[in-house]
N, C-alpha and C. Protein backbone atom coordinates (compact mmCIF):
# COMPACT_ATOMS: atom_id res chain seq x y z
N MET A 1 213.40 180.33 154.72
CA MET A 1 214.80 180.29 154.39
C MET A 1 215.25 181.60 153.74
N ARG A 2 214.39 182.14 152.85
CA ARG A 2 214.73 183.41 152.19
C ARG A 2 214.81 184.53 153.21
N GLU A 3 213.95 184.49 154.21
CA GLU A 3 213.98 185.53 155.24
C GLU A 3 215.30 185.50 156.00
N LYS A 4 215.78 184.31 156.27
CA LYS A 4 217.04 184.17 156.98
C LYS A 4 218.20 184.71 156.13
N ILE A 5 218.18 184.42 154.84
CA ILE A 5 219.23 184.90 153.93
C ILE A 5 219.17 186.41 153.83
N ASN A 6 217.96 186.96 153.69
CA ASN A 6 217.81 188.41 153.61
C ASN A 6 218.28 189.08 154.91
N GLY A 7 217.99 188.46 156.04
CA GLY A 7 218.44 189.00 157.32
C GLY A 7 219.96 189.01 157.42
N LEU A 8 220.58 187.94 156.93
CA LEU A 8 222.05 187.89 156.94
C LEU A 8 222.64 188.94 156.01
N LYS A 9 222.01 189.16 154.86
CA LYS A 9 222.49 190.19 153.93
C LYS A 9 222.41 191.57 154.57
N ARG A 10 221.29 191.85 155.24
CA ARG A 10 221.14 193.15 155.90
C ARG A 10 222.19 193.33 156.99
N SER A 11 222.44 192.28 157.73
CA SER A 11 223.46 192.35 158.79
C SER A 11 224.84 192.62 158.18
N ALA A 12 225.14 191.94 157.09
CA ALA A 12 226.42 192.14 156.43
C ALA A 12 226.54 193.56 155.90
N GLN A 13 225.45 194.08 155.32
CA GLN A 13 225.47 195.44 154.80
C GLN A 13 225.68 196.45 155.93
N ARG A 14 225.03 196.24 157.07
CA ARG A 14 225.23 197.13 158.22
C ARG A 14 226.67 197.07 158.71
N GLY A 15 227.22 195.87 158.73
CA GLY A 15 228.62 195.72 159.15
C GLY A 15 229.58 196.46 158.24
N VAL A 16 229.33 196.36 156.93
CA VAL A 16 230.19 197.06 155.97
C VAL A 16 230.07 198.57 156.16
N LEU A 17 228.87 199.05 156.38
CA LEU A 17 228.68 200.49 156.61
C LEU A 17 229.40 200.95 157.87
N LEU A 18 229.34 200.16 158.92
CA LEU A 18 230.03 200.52 160.16
C LEU A 18 231.54 200.55 159.96
N LEU A 19 232.06 199.55 159.22
CA LEU A 19 233.49 199.52 158.96
C LEU A 19 233.93 200.71 158.12
N ARG A 20 233.13 201.06 157.13
CA ARG A 20 233.48 202.21 156.29
C ARG A 20 233.49 203.49 157.11
N SER A 21 232.47 203.68 157.94
CA SER A 21 232.42 204.90 158.73
C SER A 21 233.57 204.97 159.73
N ALA A 22 233.97 203.83 160.27
CA ALA A 22 235.09 203.81 161.21
C ALA A 22 236.41 204.08 160.49
N ALA A 23 236.54 203.59 159.27
CA ALA A 23 237.78 203.78 158.52
C ALA A 23 237.93 205.22 158.05
N VAL A 24 236.83 205.87 157.74
CA VAL A 24 236.87 207.24 157.22
C VAL A 24 237.04 208.25 158.34
N ARG A 25 236.50 207.95 159.50
CA ARG A 25 236.56 208.87 160.63
C ARG A 25 238.00 209.01 161.09
N ARG A 26 238.40 210.22 161.40
CA ARG A 26 239.77 210.46 161.84
C ARG A 26 239.76 210.87 163.30
N GLU A 27 240.49 210.13 164.09
CA GLU A 27 240.60 210.41 165.52
C GLU A 27 241.91 211.11 165.79
N PRO A 28 241.89 212.11 166.66
CA PRO A 28 243.16 212.75 167.01
C PRO A 28 244.00 211.81 167.86
N GLY A 29 245.18 211.45 167.40
CA GLY A 29 246.03 210.52 168.12
C GLY A 29 247.27 211.17 168.69
N ILE A 30 247.33 212.50 168.65
CA ILE A 30 248.53 213.20 169.09
C ILE A 30 248.75 213.02 170.59
N ASP A 31 247.69 212.88 171.38
CA ASP A 31 247.84 212.72 172.83
C ASP A 31 248.61 211.45 173.15
N GLY A 32 248.24 210.35 172.53
CA GLY A 32 248.93 209.09 172.79
C GLY A 32 250.39 209.14 172.37
N ILE A 33 250.65 209.80 171.26
CA ILE A 33 252.03 209.92 170.79
C ILE A 33 252.85 210.75 171.76
N LEU A 34 252.29 211.86 172.23
CA LEU A 34 253.01 212.72 173.18
C LEU A 34 253.29 212.00 174.49
N VAL A 35 252.34 211.24 174.97
CA VAL A 35 252.53 210.49 176.21
C VAL A 35 253.64 209.46 176.03
N THR A 36 253.62 208.74 174.92
CA THR A 36 254.65 207.74 174.66
C THR A 36 256.03 208.35 174.57
N VAL A 37 256.15 209.44 173.84
CA VAL A 37 257.45 210.12 173.71
C VAL A 37 257.91 210.64 175.06
N GLY A 38 256.99 211.20 175.83
CA GLY A 38 257.34 211.71 177.16
C GLY A 38 257.84 210.61 178.08
N LEU A 39 257.18 209.47 178.07
CA LEU A 39 257.61 208.35 178.90
C LEU A 39 258.98 207.83 178.47
N CYS A 40 259.23 207.79 177.18
CA CYS A 40 260.54 207.34 176.69
C CYS A 40 261.64 208.30 177.13
N ILE A 41 261.38 209.59 177.07
CA ILE A 41 262.37 210.58 177.50
C ILE A 41 262.65 210.44 178.99
N ILE A 42 261.62 210.27 179.79
CA ILE A 42 261.80 210.09 181.23
C ILE A 42 262.62 208.84 181.51
N ALA A 43 262.32 207.75 180.82
CA ALA A 43 263.06 206.50 181.02
C ALA A 43 264.54 206.67 180.66
N LEU A 44 264.83 207.35 179.56
CA LEU A 44 266.22 207.58 179.16
C LEU A 44 266.96 208.44 180.19
N VAL A 45 266.30 209.48 180.67
CA VAL A 45 266.93 210.34 181.67
C VAL A 45 267.22 209.55 182.94
N LEU A 46 266.27 208.75 183.37
CA LEU A 46 266.49 207.94 184.58
C LEU A 46 267.63 206.95 184.39
N CYS A 47 267.73 206.35 183.22
CA CYS A 47 268.81 205.40 182.96
C CYS A 47 270.17 206.09 183.01
N VAL A 48 270.28 207.28 182.44
CA VAL A 48 271.55 207.99 182.40
C VAL A 48 271.92 208.50 183.79
N VAL A 49 270.97 209.11 184.47
CA VAL A 49 271.24 209.74 185.76
C VAL A 49 271.47 208.71 186.86
N MET A 50 270.69 207.65 186.87
CA MET A 50 270.72 206.72 187.99
C MET A 50 271.41 205.40 187.68
N LYS A 51 272.27 205.38 186.70
CA LYS A 51 272.91 204.13 186.28
C LYS A 51 273.62 203.44 187.45
N ASP A 52 274.49 204.18 188.13
CA ASP A 52 275.25 203.59 189.23
C ASP A 52 274.35 203.22 190.40
N SER A 53 273.43 204.09 190.72
CA SER A 53 272.51 203.82 191.83
C SER A 53 271.64 202.61 191.52
N LEU A 54 271.20 202.51 190.30
CA LEU A 54 270.36 201.39 189.90
C LEU A 54 271.11 200.07 189.98
N GLU A 55 272.35 200.08 189.59
CA GLU A 55 273.16 198.86 189.65
C GLU A 55 273.32 198.39 191.09
N GLY A 56 273.61 199.31 191.99
CA GLY A 56 273.73 198.97 193.41
C GLY A 56 272.41 198.49 194.00
N PHE A 57 271.33 199.13 193.59
CA PHE A 57 270.00 198.75 194.07
C PHE A 57 269.65 197.33 193.64
N ILE A 58 269.93 197.00 192.40
CA ILE A 58 269.63 195.66 191.89
C ILE A 58 270.47 194.62 192.61
N LYS A 59 271.76 194.92 192.83
CA LYS A 59 272.62 193.98 193.55
C LYS A 59 272.10 193.75 194.97
N GLU A 60 271.64 194.81 195.61
CA GLU A 60 271.10 194.69 196.97
C GLU A 60 269.85 193.83 196.99
N ILE A 61 268.97 194.01 196.02
CA ILE A 61 267.74 193.22 195.95
C ILE A 61 268.07 191.74 195.71
N VAL A 62 269.00 191.48 194.79
CA VAL A 62 269.37 190.09 194.49
C VAL A 62 269.97 189.42 195.72
N ALA A 63 270.82 190.12 196.45
CA ALA A 63 271.43 189.55 197.66
C ALA A 63 270.36 189.24 198.70
N ALA A 64 269.41 190.16 198.86
CA ALA A 64 268.33 189.94 199.83
C ALA A 64 267.46 188.76 199.42
N MET A 65 267.19 188.63 198.14
CA MET A 65 266.38 187.51 197.66
C MET A 65 267.10 186.18 197.85
N GLN A 66 268.40 186.18 197.62
CA GLN A 66 269.18 184.95 197.82
C GLN A 66 269.18 184.55 199.29
N GLY A 67 269.34 185.52 200.16
CA GLY A 67 269.30 185.23 201.59
C GLY A 67 267.96 184.70 202.03
N ARG A 68 266.90 185.30 201.52
CA ARG A 68 265.55 184.86 201.88
C ARG A 68 265.28 183.45 201.33
N ALA A 69 265.74 183.19 200.11
CA ALA A 69 265.54 181.86 199.51
C ALA A 69 266.29 180.80 200.31
N THR A 70 267.48 181.14 200.75
CA THR A 70 268.25 180.19 201.58
C THR A 70 267.50 179.91 202.88
N THR A 71 266.93 180.94 203.49
CA THR A 71 266.17 180.77 204.71
C THR A 71 264.94 179.89 204.50
N ILE A 72 264.23 180.17 203.43
CA ILE A 72 262.99 179.41 203.13
C ILE A 72 263.31 177.95 202.84
N LEU A 73 264.37 177.70 202.07
CA LEU A 73 264.70 176.32 201.68
C LEU A 73 265.48 175.57 202.76
N GLY A 74 265.83 176.27 203.85
CA GLY A 74 266.50 175.61 204.96
C GLY A 74 267.94 175.24 204.65
N GLY A 75 268.62 176.16 204.00
CA GLY A 75 270.01 175.91 203.62
C GLY A 75 270.94 176.02 204.82
N PRO A 76 272.24 176.01 204.54
CA PRO A 76 273.24 176.06 205.62
C PRO A 76 273.13 177.36 206.42
N GLY A 77 273.36 177.23 207.70
CA GLY A 77 273.35 178.38 208.59
C GLY A 77 271.97 178.73 209.09
N VAL A 78 271.00 177.85 208.91
CA VAL A 78 269.64 178.13 209.37
C VAL A 78 269.41 177.47 210.70
C-alpha cells in the first residue's frame, strides 16, 4: 500500500514539474495573431467591396434552393 502511495506522490510531483515548466516557457504567438488580423482585414474588405454582389448571390442561391425543394417534395407544377 505504501508503494502505491509513494508512486502516486511521484506521479503528482512529475505532473507539477511539467505544469511549471509549461507555464514558465514562452512561446512566440505573433504568427497566430498576424494570421487572425490578416483574415479579419480580408473579410472586412470583401464585405465592403462585394456587398451588392453578395446580396444578389445569396438571393440567387435561396431561389435555387426553393425551386429544388419544391421539386423534391413534389409541389405544384411538378
